[in-house]
């Protein structure tokens, strides 16, 4: 047996996409996603994008998780997504 500790698995790769692709992936218009991101106090469930040059990049996995969590919330909490 080896005395070496097991090699940890690398973290999963994050998938970053531009606003147009992120919006298409979740079925909304890109301007809606831009508007939601400009209102962080109102849309607290929305993950924050990163800025790359002049564009924003969205972690598509974080966006999917946030939407899934939002859909699991009671209806009265869900009104902010509309």
PDB file of N, CA and C in Angstrom:
ATOM      1  N   UNK A   1       0.844  -1.181   0.000  1.00  0.00           N
ATOM      2  CA  UNK A   1       0.000   0.000   0.000  1.00  0.00           C
ATOM      3  C   UNK A   1       0.886   1.240   0.000  1.00  0.00           C
ATOM      4  N   UNK A   2       0.419   2.246  -0.627  1.00  0.00           N
ATOM      5  CA  UNK A   2       1.164   3.494  -0.716  1.00  0.00           C
ATOM      6  C   UNK A   2       0.755   4.414   0.431  1.00  0.00           C
ATOM      7  N   UNK A   3       1.729   5.150   0.924  1.00  0.00           N
ATOM      8  CA  UNK A   3       1.449   6.098   2.004  1.00  0.00           C
ATOM      9  C   UNK A   3       1.044   7.475   1.477  1.00  0.00           C
ATOM     10  N   UNK A   4       0.968   7.619   0.159  1.00  0.00           N
ATOM     11  CA  UNK A   4       0.614   8.916  -0.425  1.00  0.00           C
ATOM     12  C   UNK A   4      -0.883   9.168  -0.263  1.00  0.00           C
ATOM     13  N   UNK A   5      -1.245  10.425   0.051  1.00  0.00           N
ATOM     14  CA  UNK A   5      -2.676  10.739   0.167  1.00  0.00           C
ATOM     15  C   UNK A   5      -3.332  10.652  -1.212  1.00  0.00           C
ATOM     16  N   UNK A   6      -4.617  10.357  -1.250  1.00  0.00           N
ATOM     17  CA  UNK A   6      -5.298  10.288  -2.554  1.00  0.00           C
ATOM     18  C   UNK A   6      -5.281  11.650  -3.240  1.00  0.00           C
ATOM     19  N   UNK A   7      -5.190  11.622  -4.541  1.00  0.00           N
ATOM     20  CA  UNK A   7      -5.179  12.855  -5.324  1.00  0.00           C
ATOM     21  C   UNK A   7      -6.592  13.425  -5.356  1.00  0.00           C
ATOM     22  N   UNK A   8      -6.756  14.700  -4.952  1.00  0.00           N
ATOM     23  CA  UNK A   8      -8.105  15.285  -4.992  1.00  0.00           C
ATOM     24  C   UNK A   8      -8.544  15.485  -6.435  1.00  0.00           C
ATOM     25  N   UNK A   9      -9.842  15.385  -6.644  1.00  0.00           N
ATOM     26  CA  UNK A   9     -10.384  15.607  -7.978  1.00  0.00           C
ATOM     27  C   UNK A   9     -10.403  17.103  -8.257  1.00  0.00           C
ATOM     28  N   UNK A  10     -10.073  17.506  -9.486  1.00  0.00           N
ATOM     29  CA  UNK A  10     -10.127  18.939  -9.805  1.00  0.00           C
ATOM     30  C   UNK A  10     -11.572  19.420  -9.775  1.00  0.00           C
ATOM     31  N   UNK A  11     -11.773  20.695  -9.484  1.00  0.00           N
ATOM     32  CA  UNK A  11     -13.143  21.215  -9.485  1.00  0.00           C
ATOM     33  C   UNK A  11     -13.719  21.140 -10.896  1.00  0.00           C
ATOM     34  N   UNK A  12     -15.032  21.002 -11.003  1.00  0.00           N
ATOM     35  CA  UNK A  12     -15.636  20.934 -12.349  1.00  0.00           C
ATOM     36  C   UNK A  12     -15.409  22.241 -13.100  1.00  0.00           C
ATOM     37  N   UNK A  13     -15.273  22.128 -14.403  1.00  0.00           N
ATOM     38  CA  UNK A  13     -15.100  23.322 -15.229  1.00  0.00           C
ATOM     39  C   UNK A  13     -16.388  24.116 -15.244  1.00  0.00           C
ATOM     40  N   UNK A  14     -16.246  25.428 -15.179  1.00  0.00           N
ATOM     41  CA  UNK A  14     -17.421  26.292 -15.247  1.00  0.00           C
ATOM     42  C   UNK A  14     -17.641  26.677 -16.701  1.00  0.00           C
ATOM     43  N   UNK A  15     -18.897  26.702 -17.099  1.00  0.00           N
ATOM     44  CA  UNK A  15     -19.242  27.056 -18.475  1.00  0.00           C
ATOM     45  C   UNK A  15     -19.709  28.510 -18.496  1.00  0.00           C
ATOM     46  N   UNK A  16     -18.928  29.374 -19.109  1.00  0.00           N
ATOM     47  CA  UNK A  16     -19.247  30.792 -19.197  1.00  0.00           C
ATOM     48  C   UNK A  16     -19.756  31.100 -20.597  1.00  0.00           C
ATOM     49  N   UNK A  17     -20.889  31.816 -20.671  1.00  0.00           N
ATOM     50  CA  UNK A  17     -21.467  32.190 -21.963  1.00  0.00           C
ATOM     51  C   UNK A  17     -21.842  33.663 -21.942  1.00  0.00           C
ATOM     52  N   UNK A  18     -21.990  34.232 -23.128  1.00  0.00           N
ATOM     53  CA  UNK A  18     -22.376  35.644 -23.195  1.00  0.00           C
ATOM     54  C   UNK A  18     -23.863  35.801 -22.872  1.00  0.00           C
ATOM     55  N   UNK A  19     -24.311  37.028 -22.771  1.00  0.00           N
ATOM     56  CA  UNK A  19     -25.686  37.315 -22.371  1.00  0.00           C
ATOM     57  C   UNK A  19     -26.692  36.736 -23.362  1.00  0.00           C
ATOM     58  N   UNK A  20     -26.413  36.855 -24.656  1.00  0.00           N
ATOM     59  CA  UNK A  20     -27.344  36.340 -25.657  1.00  0.00           C
ATOM     60  C   UNK A  20     -27.518  34.823 -25.504  1.00  0.00           C
ATOM     61  N   UNK A  21     -26.430  34.104 -25.327  1.00  0.00           N
ATOM     62  CA  UNK A  21     -26.504  32.645 -25.174  1.00  0.00           C
ATOM     63  C   UNK A  21     -27.173  32.252 -23.865  1.00  0.00           C
ATOM     64  N   UNK A  22     -26.862  32.968 -22.783  1.00  0.00           N
ATOM     65  CA  UNK A  22     -27.479  32.664 -21.484  1.00  0.00           C
ATOM     66  C   UNK A  22     -28.985  32.885 -21.540  1.00  0.00           C
ATOM     67  N   UNK A  23     -29.397  33.981 -22.150  1.00  0.00           N
ATOM     68  CA  UNK A  23     -30.828  34.276 -22.264  1.00  0.00           C
ATOM     69  C   UNK A  23     -31.537  33.228 -23.121  1.00  0.00           C
ATOM     70  N   UNK A  24     -30.928  32.843 -24.231  1.00  0.00           N
ATOM     71  CA  UNK A  24     -31.526  31.825 -25.086  1.00  0.00           C
ATOM     72  C   UNK A  24     -31.630  30.493 -24.347  1.00  0.00           C
ATOM     73  N   UNK A  25     -30.645  30.188 -23.541  1.00  0.00           N
ATOM     74  CA  UNK A  25     -30.629  28.925 -22.806  1.00  0.00           C
ATOM     75  C   UNK A  25     -31.786  28.829 -21.816  1.00  0.00           C
ATOM     76  N   UNK A  26     -32.152  29.960 -21.211  1.00  0.00           N
ATOM     77  CA  UNK A  26     -33.244  29.929 -20.230  1.00  0.00           C
ATOM     78  C   UNK A  26     -34.568  30.418 -20.820  1.00  0.00           C
ATOM     79  N   UNK A  27     -34.573  30.738 -22.125  1.00  0.00           N
ATOM     80  CA  UNK A  27     -35.824  31.044 -22.821  1.00  0.00           C
ATOM     81  C   UNK A  27     -36.364  32.447 -22.630  1.00  0.00           C
ATOM     82  N   UNK A  28     -35.472  33.419 -22.472  1.00  0.00           N
ATOM     83  CA  UNK A  28     -35.918  34.809 -22.363  1.00  0.00           C
ATOM     84  C   UNK A  28     -35.138  35.669 -23.349  1.00  0.00           C
ATOM     85  N   UNK A  29     -35.572  36.895 -23.531  1.00  0.00           N
ATOM     86  CA  UNK A  29     -34.881  37.845 -24.403  1.00  0.00           C
ATOM     87  C   UNK A  29     -33.633  38.359 -23.680  1.00  0.00           C
ATOM     88  N   UNK A  30     -32.539  38.585 -24.403  1.00  0.00           N
ATOM     89  CA  UNK A  30     -31.324  39.082 -23.754  1.00  0.00           C
ATOM     90  C   UNK A  30     -31.523  40.374 -22.963  1.00  0.00           C
ATOM     91  N   UNK A  31     -32.403  41.246 -23.446  1.00  0.00           N
ATOM     92  CA  UNK A  31     -32.633  42.504 -22.732  1.00  0.00           C
ATOM     93  C   UNK A  31     -33.283  42.262 -21.380  1.00  0.00           C
ATOM     94  N   UNK A  32     -34.099  41.227 -21.265  1.00  0.00           N
ATOM     95  CA  UNK A  32     -34.712  40.888 -19.973  1.00  0.00           C
ATOM     96  C   UNK A  32     -33.622  40.482 -18.983  1.00  0.00           C
ATOM     97  N   UNK A  33     -32.683  39.651 -19.428  1.00  0.00           N
ATOM     98  CA  UNK A  33     -31.581  39.235 -18.560  1.00  0.00           C
ATOM     99  C   UNK A  33     -30.723  40.432 -18.167  1.00  0.00           C
ATOM    100  N   UNK A  34     -30.476  41.337 -19.102  1.00  0.00           N
ATOM    101  CA  UNK A  34     -29.715  42.562 -18.782  1.00  0.00           C
ATOM    102  C   UNK A  34     -30.458  43.409 -17.743  1.00  0.00           C
ATOM    103  N   UNK A  35     -31.771  43.546 -17.919  1.00  0.00           N
ATOM    104  CA  UNK A  35     -32.570  44.336 -16.986  1.00  0.00           C
ATOM    105  C   UNK A  35     -32.551  43.707 -15.597  1.00  0.00           C
ATOM    106  N   UNK A  36     -32.719  42.383 -15.547  1.00  0.00           N
ATOM    107  CA  UNK A  36     -32.671  41.694 -14.256  1.00  0.00           C
ATOM    108  C   UNK A  36     -31.329  41.908 -13.571  1.00  0.00           C
ATOM    109  N   UNK A  37     -30.239  41.872 -14.340  1.00  0.00           N
ATOM    110  CA  UNK A  37     -28.910  42.023 -13.727  1.00  0.00           C
ATOM    111  C   UNK A  37     -28.669  43.446 -13.229  1.00  0.00           C
ATOM    112  N   UNK A  38     -29.383  44.413 -13.798  1.00  0.00           N
ATOM    113  CA  UNK A  38     -29.248  45.804 -13.332  1.00  0.00           C
ATOM    114  C   UNK A  38     -30.101  46.087 -12.102  1.00  0.00           C
ATOM    115  N   UNK A  39     -30.925  45.120 -11.697  1.00  0.00           N
ATOM    116  CA  UNK A  39     -31.786  45.262 -10.520  1.00  0.00           C
ATOM    117  C   UNK A  39     -31.467  44.160  -9.499  1.00  0.00           C
ATOM    118  N   UNK A  40     -30.247  44.150  -8.951  1.00  0.00           N
ATOM    119  CA  UNK A  40     -29.856  43.043  -8.075  1.00  0.00           C
ATOM    120  C   UNK A  40     -30.683  42.952  -6.799  1.00  0.00           C
ATOM    121  N   UNK A  41     -31.187  44.055  -6.300  1.00  0.00           N
ATOM    122  CA  UNK A  41     -32.003  44.015  -5.090  1.00  0.00           C
ATOM    123  C   UNK A  41     -33.352  43.364  -5.322  1.00  0.00           C
ATOM    124  N   UNK A  42     -33.849  43.458  -6.541  1.00  0.00           N
ATOM    125  CA  UNK A  42     -35.150  42.886  -6.878  1.00  0.00           C
ATOM    126  C   UNK A  42     -35.029  41.420  -7.287  1.00  0.00           C
ATOM    127  N   UNK A  43     -33.935  41.059  -7.902  1.00  0.00           N
ATOM    128  CA  UNK A  43     -33.733  39.696  -8.410  1.00  0.00           C
ATOM    129  C   UNK A  43     -32.538  39.069  -7.687  1.00  0.00           C
ATOM    130  N   UNK A  44     -32.712  38.860  -6.407  1.00  0.00           N
ATOM    131  CA  UNK A  44     -31.617  38.354  -5.574  1.00  0.00           C
ATOM    132  C   UNK A  44     -31.219  36.932  -5.918  1.00  0.00           C
ATOM    133  N   UNK A  45     -32.080  36.181  -6.576  1.00  0.00           N
ATOM    134  CA  UNK A  45     -31.808  34.802  -6.956  1.00  0.00           C
ATOM    135  C   UNK A  45     -30.829  34.703  -8.123  1.00  0.00           C
ATOM    136  N   UNK A  46     -30.685  35.777  -8.899  1.00  0.00           N
ATOM    137  CA  UNK A  46     -29.882  35.760 -10.120  1.00  0.00           C
ATOM    138  C   UNK A  46     -28.389  35.785  -9.799  1.00  0.00           C
ATOM    139  N   UNK A  47     -27.627  34.806 -10.319  1.00  0.00           N
ATOM    140  CA  UNK A  47     -26.172  34.850 -10.079  1.00  0.00           C
ATOM    141  C   UNK A  47     -25.557  36.040 -10.803  1.00  0.00           C
ATOM    142  N   UNK A  48     -24.497  36.557 -10.263  1.00  0.00           N
ATOM    143  CA  UNK A  48     -23.846  37.732 -10.848  1.00  0.00           C
ATOM    144  C   UNK A  48     -22.939  37.312 -12.012  1.00  0.00           C
ATOM    145  N   UNK A  49     -23.016  38.043 -13.120  1.00  0.00           N
ATOM    146  CA  UNK A  49     -22.111  37.740 -14.235  1.00  0.00           C
ATOM    147  C   UNK A  49     -20.735  38.356 -13.973  1.00  0.00           C
ATOM    148  N   UNK A  50     -19.761  37.957 -14.769  1.00  0.00           N
ATOM    149  CA  UNK A  50     -18.455  38.619 -14.729  1.00  0.00           C
ATOM    150  C   UNK A  50     -18.324  39.430 -16.004  1.00  0.00           C
ATOM    151  N   UNK A  51     -17.506  40.439 -15.955  1.00  0.00           N
ATOM    152  CA  UNK A  51     -17.297  41.281 -17.129  1.00  0.00           C
ATOM    153  C   UNK A  51     -16.000  40.860 -17.809  1.00  0.00           C
ATOM    154  N   UNK A  52     -16.074  40.632 -19.109  1.00  0.00           N
ATOM    155  CA  UNK A  52     -14.902  40.318 -19.915  1.00  0.00           C
ATOM    156  C   UNK A  52     -14.894  41.324 -21.056  1.00  0.00           C
ATOM    157  N   UNK A  53     -13.993  42.277 -20.954  1.00  0.00           N
ATOM    158  CA  UNK A  53     -13.983  43.360 -21.933  1.00  0.00           C
ATOM    159  C   UNK A  53     -15.252  44.175 -21.801  1.00  0.00           C
ATOM    160  N   UNK A  54     -16.002  44.283 -22.884  1.00  0.00           N
ATOM    161  CA  UNK A  54     -17.256  45.033 -22.869  1.00  0.00           C
ATOM    162  C   UNK A  54     -18.474  44.155 -22.643  1.00  0.00           C
ATOM    163  N   UNK A  55     -18.263  42.851 -22.572  1.00  0.00           N
ATOM    164  CA  UNK A  55     -19.388  41.931 -22.443  1.00  0.00           C
ATOM    165  C   UNK A  55     -19.436  41.288 -21.062  1.00  0.00           C
ATOM    166  N   UNK A  56     -20.620  40.826 -20.715  1.00  0.00           N
ATOM    167  CA  UNK A  56     -20.796  40.049 -19.503  1.00  0.00           C
ATOM    168  C   UNK A  56     -20.785  38.571 -19.862  1.00  0.00           C
ATOM    169  N   UNK A  57     -20.273  37.771 -18.948  1.00  0.00           N
ATOM    170  CA  UNK A  57     -20.282  36.319 -19.106  1.00  0.00           C
ATOM    171  C   UNK A  57     -21.026  35.726 -17.921  1.00  0.00           C
ATOM    172  N   UNK A  58     -21.875  34.769 -18.213  1.00  0.00           N
ATOM    173  CA  UNK A  58     -22.716  34.124 -17.215  1.00  0.00           C
ATOM    174  C   UNK A  58     -22.271  32.688 -17.019  1.00  0.00           C
ATOM    175  N   UNK A  59     -22.207  32.252 -15.783  1.00  0.00           N
ATOM    176  CA  UNK A  59     -21.942  30.852 -15.467  1.00  0.00           C
ATOM    177  C   UNK A  59     -23.256  30.117 -15.684  1.00  0.00           C
ATOM    178  N   UNK A  60     -23.331  29.368 -16.773  1.00  0.00           N
ATOM    179  CA  UNK A  60     -24.594  28.743 -17.161  1.00  0.00           C
ATOM    180  C   UNK A  60     -25.057  27.728 -16.123  1.00  0.00           C
ATOM    181  N   UNK A  61     -24.132  27.037 -15.470  1.00  0.00           N
ATOM    182  CA  UNK A  61     -24.519  26.065 -14.440  1.00  0.00           C
ATOM    183  C   UNK A  61     -25.127  26.775 -13.231  1.00  0.00           C
ATOM    184  N   UNK A  62     -24.537  27.909 -12.834  1.00  0.00           N
ATOM    185  CA  UNK A  62     -25.085  28.672 -11.707  1.00  0.00           C
ATOM    186  C   UNK A  62     -26.457  29.232 -12.057  1.00  0.00           C
ATOM    187  N   UNK A  63     -26.632  29.643 -13.306  1.00  0.00           N
ATOM    188  CA  UNK A  63     -27.923  30.166 -13.747  1.00  0.00           C
ATOM    189  C   UNK A  63     -28.989  29.066 -13.729  1.00  0.00           C
ATOM    190  N   UNK A  64     -28.640  27.887 -14.203  1.00  0.00           N
ATOM    191  CA  UNK A  64     -29.585  26.765 -14.167  1.00  0.00           C
ATOM    192  C   UNK A  64     -29.965  26.395 -12.731  1.00  0.00           C
ATOM    193  N   UNK A  65     -28.969  26.370 -11.853  1.00  0.00           N
ATOM    194  CA  UNK A  65     -29.220  26.039 -10.445  1.00  0.00           C
ATOM    195  C   UNK A  65     -30.128  27.084  -9.805  1.00  0.00           C
ATOM    196  N   UNK A  66     -29.861  28.365 -10.093  1.00  0.00           N
ATOM    197  CA  UNK A  66     -30.680  29.437  -9.524  1.00  0.00           C
ATOM    198  C   UNK A  66     -32.126  29.330  -9.993  1.00  0.00           C
ATOM    199  N   UNK A  67     -32.327  29.022 -11.264  1.00  0.00           N
ATOM    200  CA  UNK A  67     -33.687  28.876 -11.780  1.00  0.00           C
ATOM    201  C   UNK A  67     -34.380  27.659 -11.183  1.00  0.00           C
ATOM    202  N   UNK A  68     -33.654  26.576 -11.019  1.00  0.00           N
ATOM    203  CA  UNK A  68     -34.235  25.381 -10.405  1.00  0.00           C
ATOM    204  C   UNK A  68     -34.651  25.671  -8.969  1.00  0.00           C
ATOM    205  N   UNK A  69     -33.786  26.383  -8.231  1.00  0.00           N
ATOM    206  CA  UNK A  69     -34.114  26.753  -6.856  1.00  0.00           C
ATOM    207  C   UNK A  69     -35.308  27.683  -6.813  1.00  0.00           C
ATOM    208  N   UNK A  70     -35.388  28.601  -7.784  1.00  0.00           N
ATOM    209  CA  UNK A  70     -36.501  29.541  -7.845  1.00  0.00           C
ATOM    210  C   UNK A  70     -37.809  28.801  -8.099  1.00  0.00           C
ATOM    211  N   UNK A  71     -37.768  27.797  -8.952  1.00  0.00           N
ATOM    212  CA  UNK A  71     -38.970  27.011  -9.246  1.00  0.00           C
ATOM    213  C   UNK A  71     -39.402  26.152  -8.073  1.00  0.00           C
ATOM    214  N   UNK A  72     -38.491  25.851  -7.158  1.00  0.00           N
ATOM    215  CA  UNK A  72     -38.816  25.054  -5.981  1.00  0.00           C
ATOM    216  C   UNK A  72     -39.396  25.888  -4.842  1.00  0.00           C
ATOM    217  N   UNK A  73     -39.325  27.221  -4.971  1.00  0.00           N
ATOM    218  CA  UNK A  73     -39.828  28.095  -3.912  1.00  0.00           C
ATOM    219  C   UNK A  73     -41.349  28.175  -3.963  1.00  0.00           C
ATOM    220  N   UNK A  74     -41.990  28.525  -2.834  1.00  0.00           N
ATOM    221  CA  UNK A  74     -43.448  28.717  -2.840  1.00  0.00           C
ATOM    222  C   UNK A  74     -43.846  29.819  -3.820  1.00  0.00           C
ATOM    223  N   UNK A  75     -45.066  29.779  -4.309  1.00  0.00           N
ATOM    224  CA  UNK A  75     -45.542  30.683  -5.340  1.00  0.00           C
ATOM    225  C   UNK A  75     -45.416  32.153  -4.957  1.00  0.00           C
ATOM    226  N   UNK A  76     -45.716  32.525  -3.696  1.00  0.00           N
ATOM    227  CA  UNK A  76     -45.646  33.946  -3.326  1.00  0.00           C
ATOM    228  C   UNK A  76     -44.226  34.487  -3.402  1.00  0.00           C
ATOM    229  N   UNK A  77     -43.212  33.650  -3.187  1.00  0.00           N
ATOM    230  CA  UNK A  77     -41.826  34.077  -3.331  1.00  0.00           C
ATOM    231  C   UNK A  77     -41.413  34.103  -4.790  1.00  0.00           C
ATOM    232  N   UNK A  78     -42.129  33.413  -5.620  1.00  0.00           N
ATOM    233  CA  UNK A  78     -41.788  33.240  -7.019  1.00  0.00           C
ATOM    234  C   UNK A  78     -42.196  34.429  -7.885  1.00  0.00           C
ATOM    235  N   UNK A  79     -42.946  35.369  -7.344  1.00  0.00           N
ATOM    236  CA  UNK A  79     -43.462  36.492  -8.124  1.00  0.00           C
ATOM    237  C   UNK A  79     -42.368  37.375  -8.689  1.00  0.00           C
ATOM    238  N   UNK A  80     -41.171  37.406  -8.105  1.00  0.00           N
ATOM    239  CA  UNK A  80     -40.126  38.284  -8.595  1.00  0.00           C
ATOM    240  C   UNK A  80     -39.573  37.823  -9.929  1.00  0.00           C
ATOM    241  N   UNK A  81     -39.809  36.612 -10.338  1.00  0.00           N
ATOM    242  CA  UNK A  81     -39.294  36.118 -11.601  1.00  0.00           C
ATOM    243  C   UNK A  81     -40.136  36.599 -12.784  1.00  0.00           C
ATOM    244  N   UNK A  82     -41.270  37.147 -12.537  1.00  0.00           N
ATOM    245  CA  UNK A  82     -42.144  37.584 -13.631  1.00  0.00           C
ATOM    246  C   UNK A  82     -41.853  38.991 -14.053  1.00  0.00           C
TER     247      UNK A  82
END
